[in-house]
Structures are given as C-alpha cells and as structure tokens.
Protein backbone atom coordinates (compact mmCIF):
# COMPACT_ATOMS: atom_id res chain seq x y z
CA MET A 1 -15.72 2.34 109.26
CA ASN A 2 -12.83 3.96 111.03
CA ALA A 3 -10.91 1.65 113.21
CA VAL A 4 -11.18 2.46 117.32
CA ASN A 5 -9.12 1.48 120.43
CA VAL A 6 -10.90 -1.71 121.58
CA VAL A 7 -12.83 -0.38 124.49
CA LEU A 8 -14.57 -4.85 125.04
CA GLU A 9 -13.81 -7.15 127.02
CA ASN A 10 -11.14 -9.25 124.32
CA PRO A 11 -9.52 -12.40 124.60
CA LEU A 12 -6.41 -10.96 122.72
CA TYR A 13 -5.74 -8.18 125.14
CA THR A 14 -7.27 -6.82 128.55
CA GLY A 15 -4.61 -4.11 130.12
CA PRO A 16 -5.98 -0.87 129.79
CA VAL A 17 -6.46 1.02 126.45
CA THR A 18 -3.14 2.08 124.98
CA GLY A 19 -1.74 2.77 121.38
CA LEU A 20 -0.10 -1.01 122.04
CA SER A 21 -4.12 -2.62 122.13
CA GLY A 22 -5.77 -4.09 119.16
CA THR A 23 -8.58 -1.98 117.12
CA VAL A 24 -11.91 -2.64 115.77
CA LEU A 25 -12.60 -2.66 113.05
CA LYS A 26 -16.64 -4.09 112.74
CA GLN A 27 -18.22 -5.52 115.52
CA ARG A 28 -22.21 -6.85 115.79
CA GLU A 29 -24.10 -7.72 118.73
CA ILE A 30 -27.27 -11.15 117.89
CA ALA A 31 -28.95 -13.21 120.29
CA GLY A 32 -26.07 -14.96 122.82
CA PHE A 33 -22.90 -13.82 120.93
CA SER A 34 -20.79 -10.23 120.42
CA LEU A 35 -19.00 -10.71 116.80
CA THR A 36 -15.99 -8.30 116.99
CA GLU A 37 -12.82 -7.73 113.95
CA CYS A 38 -9.69 -6.60 115.46
CA VAL A 39 -6.57 -6.30 114.08
CA TYR A 40 -3.18 -6.30 116.82
CA PRO A 41 0.32 -4.79 115.75
CA LEU A 42 3.46 -6.93 115.17
CA GLY A 43 5.63 -7.49 118.44
CA LEU A 44 2.57 -7.14 120.68
CA SER A 45 2.82 -9.27 123.86
CA LEU A 46 0.32 -9.71 126.11
CA SER A 47 1.35 -11.59 129.33
CA PRO A 48 -0.79 -14.25 131.36
CA HIS A 49 -4.86 -13.42 131.53
CA ARG A 50 -8.13 -15.01 131.78
CA HIS A 51 -11.42 -14.02 130.51
CA SER A 52 -14.96 -14.21 131.79
CA HIS A 53 -16.44 -15.54 128.63
CA ALA A 54 -15.72 -17.91 126.54
CA TYR A 55 -14.60 -17.37 122.73
CA LEU A 56 -13.91 -18.74 118.95
CA ILE A 57 -10.91 -16.75 117.43
CA PHE A 58 -10.51 -16.99 113.92
CA VAL A 59 -7.92 -15.85 112.12
CA LEU A 60 -7.72 -14.28 109.14
CA SER A 61 -4.97 -13.36 108.69
CA GLY A 62 -0.93 -13.43 109.94
CA CYS A 63 0.30 -15.71 112.80
CA TYR A 64 0.19 -15.57 116.78
CA ARG A 65 1.39 -17.84 119.81
CA GLU A 66 -0.76 -19.15 122.58
CA LYS A 67 0.71 -19.54 125.54
CA TYR A 68 -0.78 -22.09 128.44
CA ALA A 69 0.81 -23.18 131.42
CA HIS A 70 2.42 -26.22 130.01
CA ARG A 71 2.38 -25.87 126.79
CA GLU A 72 2.39 -23.03 123.83
CA CYS A 73 0.26 -23.23 119.81
CA THR A 74 0.68 -21.41 117.08
CA CYS A 75 -2.67 -19.92 115.44
CA SER A 76 -1.84 -18.84 111.64
CA GLU A 77 -3.90 -17.86 109.49
CA GLY A 78 -6.82 -19.58 108.62
CA ALA A 79 -6.89 -21.43 112.28
CA LEU A 80 -10.27 -20.94 114.15
CA ARG A 81 -9.47 -21.87 118.22
CA PHE A 82 -11.90 -21.90 120.83
CA LEU A 83 -11.16 -20.37 124.32
CA PRO A 84 -13.00 -22.06 126.93
CA LEU A 85 -13.36 -18.69 130.13
CA ASP A 86 -11.25 -18.59 132.59
CA GLN A 87 -8.72 -20.33 130.65
CA LEU A 88 -4.90 -18.74 131.83
CA HIS A 89 -3.13 -17.81 128.53
CA GLY A 90 -0.77 -15.02 127.27
CA ASN A 91 -0.99 -13.91 123.46
CA TYR A 92 2.25 -13.24 121.61
CA PHE A 93 2.44 -11.49 118.59
CA ASP A 94 4.72 -12.69 115.62
CA SER A 95 3.47 -10.50 113.13
CA ALA A 96 0.47 -8.17 112.63
CA VAL A 97 -2.86 -10.46 112.93
CA ARG A 98 -6.41 -9.91 111.83
CA CYS A 99 -8.79 -11.52 113.71
CA LEU A 100 -12.49 -12.21 114.31
CA LEU A 101 -13.30 -12.81 117.57
CA VAL A 102 -16.62 -14.48 118.67
CA ARG A 103 -17.39 -13.75 122.52
CA ILE A 104 -19.82 -16.73 123.80
CA ASP A 105 -23.04 -15.84 126.21
CA PRO A 106 -22.64 -18.95 129.31
CA LEU A 107 -26.22 -19.02 128.66
CA VAL A 108 -25.62 -20.78 125.23
CA LEU A 109 -23.26 -22.89 126.71
CA ASP A 110 -25.65 -24.52 129.08
CA ARG A 111 -28.03 -25.34 126.59
CA LEU A 112 -24.53 -27.11 124.41
CA GLY A 113 -25.67 -29.92 127.14
CA ASP A 114 -22.67 -32.60 127.26
CA HIS A 115 -20.62 -30.46 124.94
CA ALA A 116 -20.16 -28.34 127.55
CA THR A 117 -17.56 -30.24 129.79
CA VAL A 118 -15.89 -30.92 126.23
CA LEU A 119 -15.83 -27.62 125.83
CA SER A 120 -13.77 -26.59 128.66
CA THR A 121 -10.78 -27.14 127.36
CA PRO A 122 -8.52 -25.17 124.69
CA GLY A 123 -8.71 -26.49 120.99
CA GLU A 124 -8.76 -26.12 117.36
CA VAL A 125 -11.95 -26.30 115.75
CA SER A 126 -10.50 -28.51 113.04
CA GLY A 127 -11.69 -30.38 110.14
CA LEU A 128 -13.50 -29.38 106.39
CA ALA A 129 -17.02 -28.69 107.66
CA SER A 130 -15.23 -26.25 110.29
CA SER A 131 -13.08 -24.41 107.41
CA TRP A 132 -16.26 -24.09 105.69
CA LEU A 133 -18.32 -22.56 108.75
CA ALA A 134 -15.59 -20.74 109.30
CA ASN A 135 -15.48 -19.03 106.39
CA ARG A 136 -19.29 -18.92 105.87
CA MET A 137 -19.65 -17.09 109.27
CA TYR A 138 -16.84 -14.05 108.38
CA ARG A 139 -19.38 -13.84 105.15
CA GLU A 140 -22.24 -13.00 107.02
CA PHE A 141 -20.82 -11.13 109.63
CA LEU A 142 -19.97 -8.96 106.92
CA ALA A 143 -23.40 -8.69 105.53
CA SER A 144 -25.65 -6.03 105.57
CA ASP A 145 -29.39 -7.63 105.22
CA ASP A 146 -31.52 -8.24 107.71
CA ILE A 147 -31.36 -12.12 107.37
CA ALA A 148 -27.18 -12.02 108.27
CA PRO A 149 -28.17 -12.24 112.37
CA LEU A 150 -30.39 -15.44 112.11
CA ALA A 151 -27.85 -16.43 109.66
CA MET A 152 -24.94 -16.26 112.27
CA GLU A 153 -26.51 -17.15 114.79
CA GLY A 154 -26.96 -20.30 113.18
CA VAL A 155 -23.75 -20.76 111.61
CA LEU A 156 -22.31 -20.63 115.26
CA LEU A 157 -24.06 -22.96 117.26
CA GLU A 158 -22.77 -25.19 114.55
CA ILE A 159 -19.28 -24.30 115.25
CA LEU A 160 -19.49 -24.42 118.28
CA ALA A 161 -21.18 -28.43 117.94
CA GLU A 162 -18.34 -28.84 115.91
CA SER A 163 -15.80 -28.17 118.15
CA ALA A 164 -16.84 -29.71 121.09
CA ARG A 165 -16.43 -32.76 118.09
CA ALA A 166 -12.81 -31.35 117.38
CA ILE A 167 -11.84 -30.92 120.66
CA GLY A 168 -13.18 -34.21 122.54
CA GLU A 169 -11.69 -36.09 119.42
CA GLY A 170 -8.93 -38.61 121.02
CA GLY A 171 -8.12 -35.04 122.80
CA ALA A 172 -8.92 -36.87 126.65
CA HIS A 173 -6.94 -40.23 125.91
CA ALA A 174 -4.61 -39.55 123.75
CA PRO A 175 -0.76 -40.23 125.19
CA ILE A 176 1.28 -36.90 125.70
CA TRP A 177 3.73 -37.60 123.07
CA LEU A 178 1.25 -38.35 120.51
CA ARG A 179 -0.57 -34.72 121.39
CA ARG A 180 2.51 -33.64 121.09
CA VAL A 181 3.10 -34.91 117.67
CA ARG A 182 -0.46 -33.87 116.29
CA GLU A 183 0.78 -30.45 117.73
CA ALA A 184 3.37 -30.32 115.80
CA LEU A 185 1.99 -31.72 112.34
CA GLU A 186 -0.79 -28.45 113.01
CA GLU A 187 2.58 -26.30 112.54
CA SER A 188 3.90 -28.18 109.63
CA TYR A 189 1.41 -29.75 107.13
CA LEU A 190 2.36 -27.57 104.34
CA LEU A 191 6.29 -29.08 105.38
CA ALA A 192 5.40 -32.60 104.60
CA PRO A 193 7.67 -33.90 107.95
CA SER A 194 9.45 -37.21 107.27
CA LEU A 195 7.97 -39.96 109.71
CA ALA A 196 11.17 -40.50 111.12
CA GLU A 197 11.14 -36.78 111.97
CA LEU A 198 7.26 -36.76 113.85
CA ALA A 199 8.59 -40.07 115.49
CA ALA A 200 11.58 -38.21 117.28
CA ILE A 201 9.44 -35.51 118.35
CA GLY A 202 7.29 -38.46 120.49
CA GLY A 203 10.61 -40.29 121.00
CA VAL A 204 8.75 -43.22 119.52
CA HIS A 205 9.25 -45.67 116.92
CA PRO A 206 7.96 -44.40 113.54
CA VAL A 207 5.16 -48.15 113.58
CA HIS A 208 3.84 -47.42 117.47
CA LEU A 209 3.98 -43.80 115.92
CA SER A 210 1.21 -44.70 113.08
CA ARG A 211 -0.79 -46.80 114.63
CA GLU A 212 -1.65 -44.73 117.78
CA PHE A 213 -1.92 -42.53 115.56
CA ARG A 214 -4.49 -44.06 113.90
CA LYS A 215 -5.87 -45.57 116.67
CA HIS A 216 -6.49 -41.90 118.23
CA TYR A 217 -7.44 -39.96 115.64
CA GLU A 218 -9.34 -42.61 113.70
CA THR A 219 -7.51 -41.54 110.61
CA THR A 220 -3.65 -41.75 109.16
CA ILE A 221 -1.20 -39.28 109.73
CA GLY A 222 -1.13 -39.11 105.44
CA GLU A 223 -4.29 -38.53 105.38
CA PHE A 224 -4.87 -36.45 108.36
CA ILE A 225 -1.33 -33.73 106.39
CA ARG A 226 -3.79 -33.85 103.27
CA LYS A 227 -7.19 -33.38 104.97
CA ARG A 228 -5.38 -29.69 106.71
CA ARG A 229 -3.67 -29.11 102.88
CA ILE A 230 -7.13 -29.16 101.83
CA GLU A 231 -8.77 -26.76 105.06
CA HIS A 232 -6.04 -24.42 104.13
CA ALA A 233 -6.99 -24.03 100.56
CA CYS A 234 -10.53 -23.39 101.38
CA HIS A 235 -9.15 -20.71 103.42
CA LEU A 236 -6.96 -19.36 100.13
CA LEU A 237 -9.71 -20.16 98.17
CA ALA A 238 -12.37 -17.90 100.19
CA ASN A 239 -10.19 -14.80 101.35
CA SER A 240 -7.74 -14.59 98.66
CA ASP A 241 -7.26 -13.71 94.50
CA LYS A 242 -4.19 -16.58 94.31
CA SER A 243 -4.93 -18.47 90.96
CA LEU A 244 -5.76 -22.38 91.42
CA SER A 245 -2.36 -22.74 90.47
CA GLU A 246 -0.66 -20.58 92.75
CA ILE A 247 -3.40 -22.61 95.77
CA ALA A 248 -2.10 -25.76 94.24
CA LEU A 249 1.64 -25.27 95.03
CA THR A 250 1.43 -24.16 98.16
CA CYS A 251 -0.40 -26.21 100.27
CA GLY A 252 2.00 -28.86 98.58
CA PHE A 253 -0.33 -30.10 95.73
CA SER A 254 2.12 -31.53 92.54
CA ASP A 255 0.11 -29.35 90.11
CA GLN A 256 -3.50 -27.63 89.93
CA SER A 257 -4.86 -31.03 88.47
CA HIS A 258 -4.03 -33.39 91.30
CA PHE A 259 -4.73 -30.34 93.73
CA CYS A 260 -8.60 -30.04 91.78
CA ALA A 261 -8.86 -33.70 91.56
CA MET A 262 -7.74 -34.16 96.17
CA PHE A 263 -10.58 -31.12 96.43
CA LYS A 264 -13.17 -32.62 94.95
CA SER A 265 -12.74 -36.04 96.86
CA HIS A 266 -12.74 -34.25 100.16
CA THR A 267 -15.30 -32.05 99.60
CA SER A 268 -17.46 -32.65 96.83
CA LEU A 269 -16.93 -29.55 95.49
CA THR A 270 -14.40 -28.56 92.71
CA PRO A 271 -12.12 -25.72 94.44
CA ALA A 272 -14.06 -22.48 91.67
CA LYS A 273 -17.06 -23.40 92.94
CA PHE A 274 -16.22 -23.26 96.29
CA ARG A 275 -14.59 -20.30 95.93
CA ASP A 276 -17.82 -18.70 94.13
CA MET A 277 -19.59 -20.13 97.02
CA SER A 278 -17.33 -18.57 99.38
CA ALA A 279 -17.52 -14.85 97.71
CA ARG A 280 -18.05 -12.37 100.17
CA PRO A 281 -20.52 -9.56 100.03
C-alpha cells in the first residue's frame, strides 16, 4: 500500500498536513477502534497539544520522547503506551519511528466502568501479558481474513484491562522519588544499573529503595529488570530475524542457554515456540 499524508486525528501530530507529518502505511476500522500504522521522520518536533480521543500507541521501531507538564518519558521500540484524552503533551523524535496507533471510542472506555478512572492518566502498559497481546494485536492488524476484526477487538479489550492494571499498579501511592527511579529503570534495564546509582536518583539509601520498591510494585528491583528484559526479548522474537544467541546478548543474558531457561520460566514457552506463535502472516 502506498504511503499517504496523515489526514486523521493523530496522537503524535495535530498541525496542518505537511511534509513533516507522519505518513500512513495501513489503516483499519473495527468496532470501537481505529488502527493506523504510521511512520515519522527523524527530528520531527511536535509542540504541546491535546486530543479528543484516548489512544494506545505500540512502538514498532525507533524511539521518541513524550513530554508532559512536569515529566518526560522515552518511548522505545516495543513499548506499549496509553494516552488518555485531553492529556497535554509534546513529542520529540530522536530517530525515525514507526508506530501502530489505536484510537479508542469513548463508549469503549465507558464500558470499562471503574477501570476508566485509572485510565485517566498516561503510562506504559507493561508486563509479559501486555507484550504478548501487543504483538498479537499487530499480527491481527496485518491479517486479511474475516476473523481478524473480531480477534483484534478481543485483544484490544484485553489490552485495556491490562492497561488499567499496569498503570494503576502502585502508581497512585508510590512517592515521587520512587516513580522517578522506576522511570529510570524503564530506560536503562538493558544496562544493569547498580543499586547505588538507582538510590542516588531517588536520593535515598539503597536499603530504603529496595524495601519501598518491593512494597509498592510487589517485586524486587532485580526481578523487575529481568522481566523487562524478557519483554524486550519477546518483542525481538516477534519483530526481528535475530538469532537466539544475538537476542540473549542484546537483552543482557550471559548466554543462550541462560536466556532460554529464564524465558521459559517467565512465559512457559521456549523462545523458539514463542517466535513461531508470534509469526506474522
């Protein structure tokens, strides 16, 4: 399909259609959702703006920054983010970026009931279930059979439930310094930061950091990093031709054997089986 200039409400662009806007590669409409695959050029900068719909954004390749009033987050390849309606934000592209954008009908959020309150704040939809669902969503988006719309709708509703769980999990009660540490971890989990470095970011003692992190996020820092690496491996398995040994090295595992053992313990699948199940049509 030929790329065309963006002509729909786009959570990463709201100005007039110009050569600097993203381009649409593919678009599909299903009950309650509009899905669009877009690409954006390196160096694109979008000043603060708002949208009349909530969005899910799955970063297929590249990296961009999203700025809010008092904080900034990095949206890297494999990230799945929720953006609520009317959220003021700006976007800054540090590389060429390809995303799957999902515009959500307000009636869909209304049907979620209490979950909709949690989904009034932006955040990353993290977790192994979310990683699997995001890749499944894209696979169904590319599929051309008559079952794909039904499958996409089911997957998207599951993702919204996971979004409410992931964004609400500990976030509302965690102190600002701890959220700052978690955001730093989201950006550096492949680099294995030291506990002392993380404690310095939060301005607290390492022992206090370890205790509070486990209290608010119900996991240790080490396990949090390990799960993020497995999630990144899921994305690479589903979206690249890298060998298992290359993925093991990229994701910080000592060797392929260690990677395979850890992957199966977290997902109950071997990396090879996960790749087969995630294969795009």
